[in-house]
N, C-alpha and C. Protein backbone atom coordinates (compact mmCIF):
# COMPACT_ATOMS: atom_id res chain seq x y z
N UNK A 1 0.59 -1.21 0.19
CA UNK A 1 -0.04 0.01 -0.04
C UNK A 1 0.93 1.33 0.01
N UNK A 2 1.89 1.20 0.75
CA UNK A 2 2.82 2.37 1.01
C UNK A 2 3.63 2.61 -0.50
N UNK A 3 3.86 1.58 -1.19
CA UNK A 3 4.64 1.63 -2.40
C UNK A 3 3.62 2.20 -3.61
N UNK A 4 2.39 1.96 -3.44
CA UNK A 4 1.47 2.57 -4.29
C UNK A 4 1.30 3.88 -4.11
N UNK A 5 1.39 4.48 -2.92
CA UNK A 5 1.29 5.76 -2.51
C UNK A 5 2.29 6.52 -2.90
N UNK A 6 3.50 6.13 -2.87
CA UNK A 6 4.85 6.80 -3.28
C UNK A 6 4.86 6.72 -4.75
N UNK A 7 4.45 5.55 -5.39
CA UNK A 7 4.45 5.59 -6.95
C UNK A 7 3.42 6.74 -7.22
N UNK A 8 2.37 6.89 -6.99
CA UNK A 8 1.46 7.76 -7.18
C UNK A 8 1.89 9.08 -7.12
N UNK A 9 2.55 9.42 -6.08
CA UNK A 9 3.08 10.69 -5.65
C UNK A 9 4.11 11.28 -6.67
N UNK A 10 5.07 9.94 -7.18
CA UNK A 10 6.22 10.27 -7.89
C UNK A 10 5.45 10.57 -9.26
N UNK A 11 4.57 9.95 -9.73
CA UNK A 11 4.01 10.15 -11.14
C UNK A 11 3.25 11.54 -11.04
N UNK A 12 2.80 11.86 -10.11
CA UNK A 12 2.02 13.08 -9.96
C UNK A 12 3.00 14.26 -10.04
N UNK A 13 4.25 14.18 -9.54
CA UNK A 13 5.25 15.07 -9.38
C UNK A 13 5.93 15.16 -10.66
N UNK A 14 6.01 14.01 -11.56
CA UNK A 14 6.59 13.97 -12.87
C UNK A 14 5.56 14.61 -13.83
N UNK A 15 4.35 14.35 -13.86
CA UNK A 15 3.02 14.97 -14.61
C UNK A 15 3.17 16.46 -14.41
N UNK A 16 3.30 17.00 -13.19
CA UNK A 16 3.16 18.43 -12.90
C UNK A 16 4.51 19.05 -13.37
N UNK A 17 5.74 18.55 -13.22
CA UNK A 17 6.99 18.80 -13.53
C UNK A 17 6.75 19.23 -15.09
N UNK A 18 6.32 17.92 -15.89
CA UNK A 18 6.08 18.16 -17.34
C UNK A 18 5.50 19.12 -17.79
N UNK A 19 4.30 19.18 -17.10
CA UNK A 19 3.23 20.32 -17.65
C UNK A 19 3.63 21.60 -17.32
N UNK A 20 4.58 21.85 -16.55
CA UNK A 20 5.05 23.12 -16.06
C UNK A 20 6.45 23.44 -16.43
N UNK A 21 7.16 22.55 -16.68
CA UNK A 21 8.62 22.66 -16.83
C UNK A 21 9.02 23.78 -18.04
N UNK A 22 8.14 23.81 -18.90
CA UNK A 22 8.50 24.64 -19.92
C UNK A 22 9.02 25.99 -19.62
N UNK A 23 8.28 26.44 -18.59
CA UNK A 23 8.33 27.83 -18.11
C UNK A 23 10.10 28.09 -17.58
N UNK A 24 10.65 26.92 -17.23
CA UNK A 24 12.18 27.08 -16.65
C UNK A 24 12.87 27.30 -17.77
N UNK A 25 12.62 26.97 -19.02
CA UNK A 25 13.54 27.05 -20.13
C UNK A 25 12.99 28.11 -21.32
N UNK A 26 11.97 28.55 -21.12
CA UNK A 26 11.42 29.55 -22.14
C UNK A 26 11.54 30.82 -21.63
N UNK A 27 11.84 31.94 -22.37
CA UNK A 27 11.85 33.40 -21.98
C UNK A 27 10.48 33.74 -21.83
N UNK A 28 10.18 34.40 -21.05
CA UNK A 28 8.85 35.02 -20.77
C UNK A 28 8.62 36.05 -21.69
N UNK A 29 7.74 36.17 -22.53
CA UNK A 29 7.33 37.12 -23.49
C UNK A 29 7.16 38.59 -22.92
N UNK A 30 6.48 38.72 -21.76
CA UNK A 30 6.56 39.80 -20.94
C UNK A 30 7.99 40.50 -20.65
N UNK A 31 9.01 39.91 -20.68
CA UNK A 31 10.04 40.55 -20.36
C UNK A 31 11.25 41.04 -21.70
N UNK A 32 10.55 40.63 -22.62
CA UNK A 32 11.03 41.23 -23.98
C UNK A 32 10.71 42.60 -24.29
N UNK A 33 11.55 43.46 -24.45
CA UNK A 33 11.28 44.91 -24.72
C UNK A 33 11.14 44.93 -26.24
N UNK A 34 10.11 45.81 -26.82
CA UNK A 34 9.74 46.08 -28.12
C UNK A 34 8.94 47.35 -28.12
N UNK A 35 8.84 47.69 -29.50
CA UNK A 35 8.22 49.00 -30.03
C UNK A 35 6.77 48.55 -30.16
N UNK A 36 5.81 49.00 -29.24
CA UNK A 36 4.59 48.60 -29.16
C UNK A 36 3.69 49.52 -30.32
N UNK A 37 4.33 49.57 -31.49
CA UNK A 37 3.52 50.64 -32.51
C UNK A 37 4.41 50.18 -33.84
N UNK A 38 3.75 50.99 -34.81
CA UNK A 38 4.43 50.83 -36.16
C UNK A 38 5.68 51.31 -36.26
N UNK A 39 6.39 52.31 -35.50
CA UNK A 39 7.68 52.79 -35.51
C UNK A 39 8.78 52.11 -34.68
N UNK A 40 9.84 52.35 -34.48
CA UNK A 40 10.77 52.22 -33.58
C UNK A 40 11.43 52.96 -32.68
N UNK A 41 12.10 52.72 -31.39
CA UNK A 41 12.31 53.56 -30.43
C UNK A 41 13.99 53.50 -30.67
N UNK A 42 14.46 54.65 -30.44
CA UNK A 42 15.86 54.58 -30.63
C UNK A 42 16.59 55.23 -29.43
N UNK A 43 17.61 54.69 -28.65
CA UNK A 43 17.84 55.45 -27.69
C UNK A 43 19.37 55.43 -27.99
N UNK A 44 20.12 56.62 -27.96
CA UNK A 44 21.74 56.67 -28.28
C UNK A 44 22.07 56.76 -26.72
N UNK A 45 22.76 55.49 -26.31
CA UNK A 45 23.18 55.36 -24.97
C UNK A 45 24.22 56.34 -24.59
N UNK A 46 25.24 57.04 -25.64
CA UNK A 46 26.06 58.06 -25.74
C UNK A 46 25.48 59.50 -25.63
N UNK A 47 24.40 59.85 -26.29
CA UNK A 47 23.76 61.02 -26.33
C UNK A 47 22.62 61.20 -25.54
N UNK A 48 22.28 62.68 -25.38
CA UNK A 48 21.19 62.94 -24.58
C UNK A 48 19.69 62.67 -25.22
N UNK A 49 19.60 62.79 -26.51
CA UNK A 49 18.34 62.67 -27.06
C UNK A 49 17.93 61.20 -27.35
N UNK A 50 16.49 61.04 -27.09
CA UNK A 50 15.86 59.84 -27.40
C UNK A 50 14.79 59.97 -28.72
N UNK A 51 14.65 59.12 -29.43
CA UNK A 51 13.80 59.12 -30.53
C UNK A 51 12.47 58.15 -30.25
N UNK A 52 11.47 58.52 -30.34
CA UNK A 52 10.18 57.47 -30.00
C UNK A 52 9.30 57.48 -31.22
N UNK A 53 8.93 56.11 -31.48
CA UNK A 53 7.98 55.76 -32.47
C UNK A 53 8.47 56.23 -33.96
N UNK A 54 9.66 55.91 -34.31
CA UNK A 54 10.19 56.70 -35.70
C UNK A 54 9.79 55.81 -36.82
N UNK A 55 9.50 56.39 -37.77
CA UNK A 55 9.01 55.71 -38.89
C UNK A 55 8.85 56.74 -40.33
N UNK A 56 8.84 56.21 -41.26
CA UNK A 56 8.97 57.10 -42.48
C UNK A 56 7.55 56.65 -43.45
N UNK A 57 6.61 57.80 -43.75
CA UNK A 57 5.47 57.50 -44.56
C UNK A 57 5.93 58.01 -45.89
N UNK A 58 6.03 57.06 -46.98
CA UNK A 58 6.48 57.22 -48.47
C UNK A 58 5.35 57.30 -49.28
N UNK A 59 5.48 57.89 -50.46
CA UNK A 59 4.65 57.82 -51.38
C UNK A 59 4.69 56.43 -52.24
N UNK A 60 3.64 56.23 -53.22
CA UNK A 60 3.65 54.85 -53.84
C UNK A 60 4.92 54.34 -54.47
N UNK A 61 5.77 55.36 -54.95
CA UNK A 61 6.87 54.68 -55.70
C UNK A 61 8.01 54.84 -54.86
N UNK A 62 8.14 55.23 -53.33
CA UNK A 62 9.21 55.28 -52.55
C UNK A 62 10.15 56.33 -52.80
N UNK A 63 9.77 57.29 -53.70
CA UNK A 63 10.68 58.37 -53.80
C UNK A 63 10.86 59.51 -53.04
N UNK A 64 9.82 59.74 -52.39
CA UNK A 64 9.76 60.70 -51.34
C UNK A 64 9.15 60.30 -50.11
N UNK A 65 9.60 60.68 -48.98
CA UNK A 65 9.05 60.05 -47.59
C UNK A 65 9.04 61.50 -46.66
N UNK A 66 8.28 61.10 -45.49
CA UNK A 66 8.17 61.73 -44.67
C UNK A 66 8.70 61.24 -43.19
N UNK A 67 9.42 61.59 -42.67
CA UNK A 67 10.13 61.22 -41.33
C UNK A 67 9.07 61.57 -40.24
N UNK A 68 8.64 60.68 -39.41
CA UNK A 68 7.49 61.04 -38.41
C UNK A 68 8.35 60.33 -37.14
N UNK A 69 8.17 61.04 -36.09
CA UNK A 69 8.95 60.59 -34.77
C UNK A 69 8.58 61.73 -33.48
N UNK A 70 8.75 61.22 -32.45
CA UNK A 70 8.94 62.38 -31.18
C UNK A 70 10.38 62.08 -30.86
N UNK A 71 11.04 63.49 -30.81
CA UNK A 71 12.24 63.64 -30.43
C UNK A 71 12.38 64.18 -28.95
N UNK A 72 12.67 63.43 -28.30
CA UNK A 72 12.69 63.72 -26.62
C UNK A 72 14.29 64.05 -26.07
N UNK A 73 14.24 65.37 -25.72
CA UNK A 73 15.44 65.86 -24.78
C UNK A 73 15.10 66.13 -23.29
N UNK A 74 15.38 65.18 -22.55
CA UNK A 74 15.15 65.17 -21.12
C UNK A 74 16.09 65.89 -20.31
N UNK A 75 17.11 66.58 -20.97
CA UNK A 75 18.37 67.03 -20.24
C UNK A 75 17.78 68.71 -19.84
N UNK A 76 18.76 69.38 -19.32
CA UNK A 76 18.43 70.81 -18.91
C UNK A 76 19.00 71.71 -20.03
N UNK A 77 19.61 71.17 -21.04
CA UNK A 77 20.07 72.01 -21.94
C UNK A 77 19.95 71.76 -23.40
N UNK A 78 19.80 72.63 -24.40
CA UNK A 78 19.49 72.34 -25.80
C UNK A 78 20.31 71.40 -26.36
N UNK A 79 19.64 70.30 -27.03
CA UNK A 79 20.63 69.50 -27.71
C UNK A 79 20.17 69.44 -29.31
N UNK A 80 21.14 68.68 -29.94
CA UNK A 80 20.95 68.52 -31.51
C UNK A 80 20.98 67.30 -31.92
N UNK A 81 20.04 66.70 -32.63
CA UNK A 81 20.21 65.40 -33.11
C UNK A 81 20.42 65.31 -34.69
N UNK A 82 21.33 64.44 -35.07
CA UNK A 82 21.82 64.65 -36.53
C UNK A 82 21.31 63.22 -36.91
N UNK A 83 20.52 62.99 -38.14
CA UNK A 83 20.00 61.72 -38.70
C UNK A 83 20.74 61.74 -40.00
N UNK A 84 21.34 60.33 -40.39
CA UNK A 84 21.79 60.40 -41.53
C UNK A 84 21.52 59.06 -42.26
N UNK A 85 21.05 59.26 -43.60
CA UNK A 85 20.70 58.18 -44.49
C UNK A 85 21.79 58.15 -45.45
N UNK A 86 22.46 56.73 -45.74
CA UNK A 86 23.42 56.75 -46.78
C UNK A 86 23.00 57.23 -48.07
N UNK A 87 23.62 58.21 -48.65
CA UNK A 87 23.85 58.59 -50.09
C UNK A 87 22.73 60.19 -50.19
N UNK A 88 22.48 60.52 -48.63
CA UNK A 88 21.29 61.68 -48.55
C UNK A 88 22.19 62.63 -47.79
N UNK A 89 21.88 63.92 -47.95
CA UNK A 89 22.34 64.92 -46.78
C UNK A 89 21.74 64.57 -45.38
N UNK A 90 22.52 64.88 -44.31
CA UNK A 90 21.88 64.77 -42.93
C UNK A 90 21.26 65.61 -42.62
N UNK A 91 20.14 65.27 -41.77
CA UNK A 91 19.26 66.12 -41.18
C UNK A 91 19.54 66.43 -39.63
N UNK A 92 19.21 67.73 -39.33
CA UNK A 92 19.56 68.13 -38.02
C UNK A 92 18.58 68.90 -37.31
N UNK A 93 18.41 68.30 -36.39
CA UNK A 93 17.09 68.88 -35.48
C UNK A 93 17.56 69.29 -34.18
N UNK A 94 17.14 70.39 -33.72
CA UNK A 94 17.56 70.98 -32.34
C UNK A 94 16.32 70.74 -31.49
N UNK A 95 16.54 70.38 -30.20
CA UNK A 95 15.39 70.36 -29.29
C UNK A 95 15.59 71.10 -28.22
N UNK A 96 14.89 71.90 -27.73
CA UNK A 96 15.10 72.60 -26.62
C UNK A 96 15.25 71.79 -25.17
N UNK A 97 15.67 72.35 -24.12
CA UNK A 97 15.96 71.57 -23.02
C UNK A 97 14.40 71.11 -22.39
N UNK A 98 14.40 69.94 -21.97
CA UNK A 98 13.13 69.43 -21.31
C UNK A 98 11.99 69.30 -22.34
N UNK A 99 12.31 69.34 -23.54
CA UNK A 99 10.90 69.37 -24.43
C UNK A 99 10.93 68.27 -25.37
N UNK A 100 9.83 67.90 -25.95
CA UNK A 100 9.60 67.01 -26.95
C UNK A 100 9.27 67.48 -28.10
N UNK A 101 9.65 67.24 -29.25
CA UNK A 101 9.48 67.93 -30.80
C UNK A 101 8.70 66.62 -31.41
N UNK A 102 7.46 66.76 -31.74
CA UNK A 102 6.60 65.69 -32.37
C UNK A 102 6.50 65.83 -33.89
N UNK A 103 7.28 65.32 -34.71
CA UNK A 103 7.26 65.39 -36.33
C UNK A 103 5.89 64.69 -36.55
N UNK A 104 5.30 65.40 -37.42
CA UNK A 104 4.06 64.59 -37.96
C UNK A 104 2.76 64.78 -37.07
N UNK A 105 3.05 65.44 -35.91
CA UNK A 105 2.05 65.81 -34.96
C UNK A 105 1.76 67.30 -34.47
N UNK A 106 2.83 67.64 -33.71
CA UNK A 106 2.85 69.23 -33.39
C UNK A 106 3.46 69.93 -34.54
N UNK A 107 4.69 69.22 -35.09
CA UNK A 107 5.38 69.86 -36.01
C UNK A 107 5.35 69.09 -37.46
N UNK A 108 5.79 69.93 -38.51
CA UNK A 108 5.30 69.38 -39.91
C UNK A 108 6.54 67.89 -39.92
N UNK A 109 6.28 66.83 -40.46
CA UNK A 109 7.06 65.84 -40.54
C UNK A 109 8.41 66.17 -41.57
N UNK A 110 9.62 65.66 -41.09
CA UNK A 110 10.69 65.99 -42.15
C UNK A 110 10.61 65.29 -43.45
N UNK A 111 10.93 66.08 -44.39
CA UNK A 111 10.72 65.62 -46.01
C UNK A 111 11.90 64.89 -46.26
N UNK A 112 11.90 63.72 -46.86
CA UNK A 112 13.01 63.11 -47.45
C UNK A 112 13.00 63.09 -48.84
N UNK A 113 13.81 63.77 -49.45
CA UNK A 113 13.84 63.85 -51.22
C UNK A 113 14.54 62.63 -51.32
N UNK A 114 14.56 61.87 -52.82
CA UNK A 114 15.18 60.95 -53.10
C UNK A 114 15.55 59.73 -52.14
N UNK A 115 14.25 59.70 -51.40
CA UNK A 115 14.20 58.28 -50.72
C UNK A 115 14.91 56.90 -51.26
N UNK A 116 13.90 56.57 -52.21
CA UNK A 116 14.37 55.41 -53.15
C UNK A 116 14.31 54.36 -51.99
N UNK A 117 13.05 53.92 -51.48
CA UNK A 117 12.86 52.93 -50.51
C UNK A 117 11.08 52.71 -50.69
N UNK A 118 10.86 51.71 -51.03
CA UNK A 118 9.38 51.15 -51.34
C UNK A 118 8.79 51.00 -49.84
N UNK A 119 7.62 51.32 -49.72
CA UNK A 119 6.68 51.22 -48.54
C UNK A 119 6.52 49.51 -48.35
N UNK A 120 7.02 49.14 -47.00
CA UNK A 120 7.15 47.81 -46.46
C UNK A 120 8.45 47.18 -46.13
N UNK A 121 9.35 48.21 -46.76
CA UNK A 121 10.73 47.76 -46.45
C UNK A 121 11.23 48.66 -45.23
N UNK A 122 12.48 48.54 -44.98
CA UNK A 122 13.06 49.44 -43.76
C UNK A 122 14.30 50.17 -44.47
N UNK A 123 14.69 51.17 -43.79
CA UNK A 123 15.81 51.98 -44.17
C UNK A 123 16.84 52.03 -42.90
N UNK A 124 18.04 52.04 -43.19
CA UNK A 124 18.92 52.20 -42.09
C UNK A 124 19.18 53.91 -41.95
N UNK A 125 19.01 54.34 -40.71
CA UNK A 125 19.31 55.61 -40.35
C UNK A 125 20.38 55.58 -39.26
N UNK A 126 21.34 56.36 -39.31
CA UNK A 126 22.18 56.77 -38.09
C UNK A 126 21.77 57.81 -37.34
N UNK A 127 21.51 57.73 -36.22
CA UNK A 127 21.00 58.69 -35.12
C UNK A 127 22.14 59.05 -34.20
N UNK A 128 22.59 60.51 -33.99
CA UNK A 128 23.66 60.92 -33.44
C UNK A 128 23.22 62.05 -32.53
N UNK A 129 23.34 62.15 -31.52
CA UNK A 129 23.31 63.53 -30.67
C UNK A 129 24.46 63.56 -29.44
N UNK A 130 24.62 64.65 -29.13
CA UNK A 130 25.93 64.80 -28.09
C UNK A 130 27.27 64.30 -28.70
N UNK A 131 28.23 63.88 -27.85
CA UNK A 131 29.31 63.63 -28.07
C UNK A 131 29.73 62.19 -28.72
N UNK A 132 28.58 61.30 -28.66
CA UNK A 132 28.55 60.07 -28.67
C UNK A 132 28.78 59.62 -30.34
N UNK A 133 29.22 58.42 -30.40
CA UNK A 133 29.22 57.66 -31.77
C UNK A 133 27.70 57.41 -32.48
N UNK A 134 26.88 57.36 -31.76
CA UNK A 134 25.36 57.30 -32.19
C UNK A 134 25.00 55.70 -32.33
N UNK A 135 23.86 55.75 -33.07
CA UNK A 135 23.12 54.42 -33.28
C UNK A 135 22.37 54.23 -34.53
N UNK A 136 22.91 53.14 -35.25
CA UNK A 136 22.35 52.74 -36.44
C UNK A 136 21.06 51.93 -36.30
N UNK A 137 19.74 52.32 -36.98
CA UNK A 137 18.60 51.46 -36.70
C UNK A 137 17.87 51.40 -37.83
N UNK A 138 17.10 50.27 -38.16
CA UNK A 138 16.39 49.90 -39.29
C UNK A 138 14.84 50.64 -38.95
N UNK A 139 14.65 51.78 -39.76
CA UNK A 139 13.40 52.35 -39.55
C UNK A 139 12.60 51.95 -40.44
N UNK A 140 11.10 51.53 -40.29
CA UNK A 140 10.17 51.04 -41.24
C UNK A 140 9.62 52.20 -42.35
N UNK A 141 9.42 51.97 -43.48
CA UNK A 141 8.60 52.74 -44.25
C UNK A 141 7.22 52.40 -44.53
N UNK A 142 6.48 53.18 -44.31
CA UNK A 142 4.96 52.75 -44.47
C UNK A 142 4.33 53.45 -45.42
N UNK A 143 3.11 53.20 -46.01
CA UNK A 143 2.36 53.73 -46.99
C UNK A 143 1.24 54.49 -46.19
N UNK A 144 0.44 55.31 -46.83
CA UNK A 144 -0.93 55.80 -46.37
C UNK A 144 -2.10 55.01 -46.50
N UNK A 145 -2.08 53.63 -46.57
CA UNK A 145 -3.11 52.87 -46.50
C UNK A 145 -4.00 53.11 -45.29
N UNK A 146 -3.36 53.19 -44.11
CA UNK A 146 -4.31 53.26 -43.00
C UNK A 146 -4.71 54.55 -42.90
N UNK A 147 -5.88 54.78 -42.41
CA UNK A 147 -6.47 56.15 -42.45
C UNK A 147 -5.60 57.21 -41.76
N UNK A 148 -4.94 56.95 -40.53
CA UNK A 148 -4.37 58.00 -39.72
C UNK A 148 -2.92 58.23 -40.17
N UNK A 149 -2.57 57.59 -41.32
CA UNK A 149 -1.38 57.81 -41.98
C UNK A 149 -1.57 58.59 -43.31
N UNK A 150 -2.89 58.62 -43.75
CA UNK A 150 -3.22 59.14 -44.80
C UNK A 150 -2.74 60.64 -45.30
N UNK A 151 -2.72 61.41 -44.05
CA UNK A 151 -2.43 62.87 -44.46
C UNK A 151 -0.68 63.13 -44.25
N UNK A 152 -0.04 61.77 -43.85
CA UNK A 152 1.20 62.16 -43.82
C UNK A 152 2.08 61.66 -45.12
N UNK A 153 1.38 61.18 -46.02
CA UNK A 153 1.91 60.93 -47.29
C UNK A 153 2.40 62.27 -48.12
N UNK A 154 3.55 62.21 -48.41
CA UNK A 154 4.22 63.30 -49.21
C UNK A 154 3.95 63.31 -50.54
N UNK A 155 3.55 64.60 -51.23
CA UNK A 155 3.44 64.62 -52.51
C UNK A 155 4.48 64.52 -53.31
N UNK A 156 4.58 63.85 -54.46
CA UNK A 156 5.83 63.91 -55.30
C UNK A 156 6.52 64.98 -55.89
N UNK A 157 5.74 66.10 -55.81
CA UNK A 157 6.54 67.37 -56.36
C UNK A 157 7.44 68.06 -55.32
N UNK A 158 8.65 68.36 -55.63
CA UNK A 158 9.58 69.17 -54.80
C UNK A 158 9.05 70.46 -54.37
N UNK A 159 9.15 70.72 -53.20
CA UNK A 159 8.87 71.95 -52.75
C UNK A 159 10.18 72.63 -52.29
N UNK A 160 10.13 74.29 -52.22
CA UNK A 160 11.16 75.02 -52.03
C UNK A 160 11.56 74.30 -50.48
N UNK A 161 12.92 74.33 -50.19
CA UNK A 161 13.49 73.77 -49.02
C UNK A 161 13.11 74.87 -47.85
N UNK A 162 12.75 74.11 -46.63
CA UNK A 162 12.39 74.79 -45.65
C UNK A 162 13.52 74.93 -44.66
N UNK A 163 13.66 76.17 -43.88
CA UNK A 163 14.51 75.89 -42.85
C UNK A 163 14.51 75.04 -41.69
N UNK A 164 15.40 74.79 -41.21
CA UNK A 164 15.55 73.54 -40.04
C UNK A 164 14.49 74.29 -39.08
N UNK A 165 13.62 73.02 -38.61
CA UNK A 165 12.63 73.20 -37.55
C UNK A 165 13.35 73.34 -36.28
N UNK A 166 13.04 74.47 -35.57
CA UNK A 166 13.52 74.72 -34.27
C UNK A 166 12.43 75.40 -33.41
N UNK A 167 11.65 74.45 -32.54
CA UNK A 167 10.66 74.96 -31.87
C UNK A 167 11.24 75.74 -30.83
N UNK A 168 10.44 76.86 -30.48
CA UNK A 168 10.60 77.96 -29.69
C UNK A 168 10.89 77.20 -28.20
N UNK A 169 11.66 77.67 -27.50
CA UNK A 169 11.96 77.08 -26.03
C UNK A 169 11.69 78.35 -24.97
N UNK A 170 11.15 79.44 -25.47
CA UNK A 170 10.57 80.39 -24.63
C UNK A 170 9.10 80.11 -24.03
N UNK A 171 8.91 80.51 -22.90
CA UNK A 171 7.68 79.92 -22.25
C UNK A 171 7.14 81.42 -22.04
N UNK A 172 5.71 81.40 -21.66
CA UNK A 172 4.96 82.78 -21.42
C UNK A 172 5.56 83.44 -20.18
N UNK A 173 5.65 84.66 -19.86
CA UNK A 173 6.25 85.11 -18.61
C UNK A 173 5.47 84.99 -17.38
N UNK A 174 5.97 84.66 -16.42
CA UNK A 174 5.01 84.14 -15.01
C UNK A 174 4.51 85.53 -14.57
N UNK A 175 3.44 85.43 -14.13
CA UNK A 175 2.83 86.69 -13.48
C UNK A 175 3.70 87.28 -12.29
N UNK A 176 3.88 88.38 -12.23
CA UNK A 176 4.68 89.10 -10.89
C UNK A 176 3.67 89.28 -9.82
N UNK A 177 4.37 89.12 -8.73
CA UNK A 177 3.50 89.23 -7.32
C UNK A 177 3.60 90.66 -6.89
C-alpha cells in the first residue's frame, strides 16, 4: 500500500513538472522589450536625445518620404540630433531643454527627397546626438493605407526647401507678485 502511495506521488510530481517545466527554459514574453507601435524607438546610449516611434511614410513609388517621430530631450540644455541616411544629406534637429518635438503631430514631418525605398521595407538611419558615436537603426517605411497615416503621405512634387525646424523654447512670462 505504501509503495502505491509513493508511486502515485512520484507520477503526480512528474506530470506536474512535465506540464509546467517549459517555463524554466522558455523566456517570458512579457520580459522582452519591443516597440508596441508601427515605428521604432531609438536610444543613443552616448547621447542625450531619445527618438520615439520613428517611421517614414512614403509615396507609392518610394521616391519621397516624411520622417515621423517624437524627439525627446530630457536634459536641462538644448541638444541637437543628426540623422543620416546613406547617400543623402544629413538632417539636423535642435530640441530645447526638457522638451519633446513631435514631427508629424505638433511639427511638420521632415521631408526626405530621393528616398528610393518602397513602403513595406526598412531603411537604415544613423541617429547621433551629443558627443557619442550614435546608433544605426532600421526604420520602417510605411504607406498611407491606414487612415491615420493618409495625411502624412508626401506629394511627389518638390517644394522649396524649408529652414531647419527649431521649436521655441521660450515660455510665457510668469505673473509678477
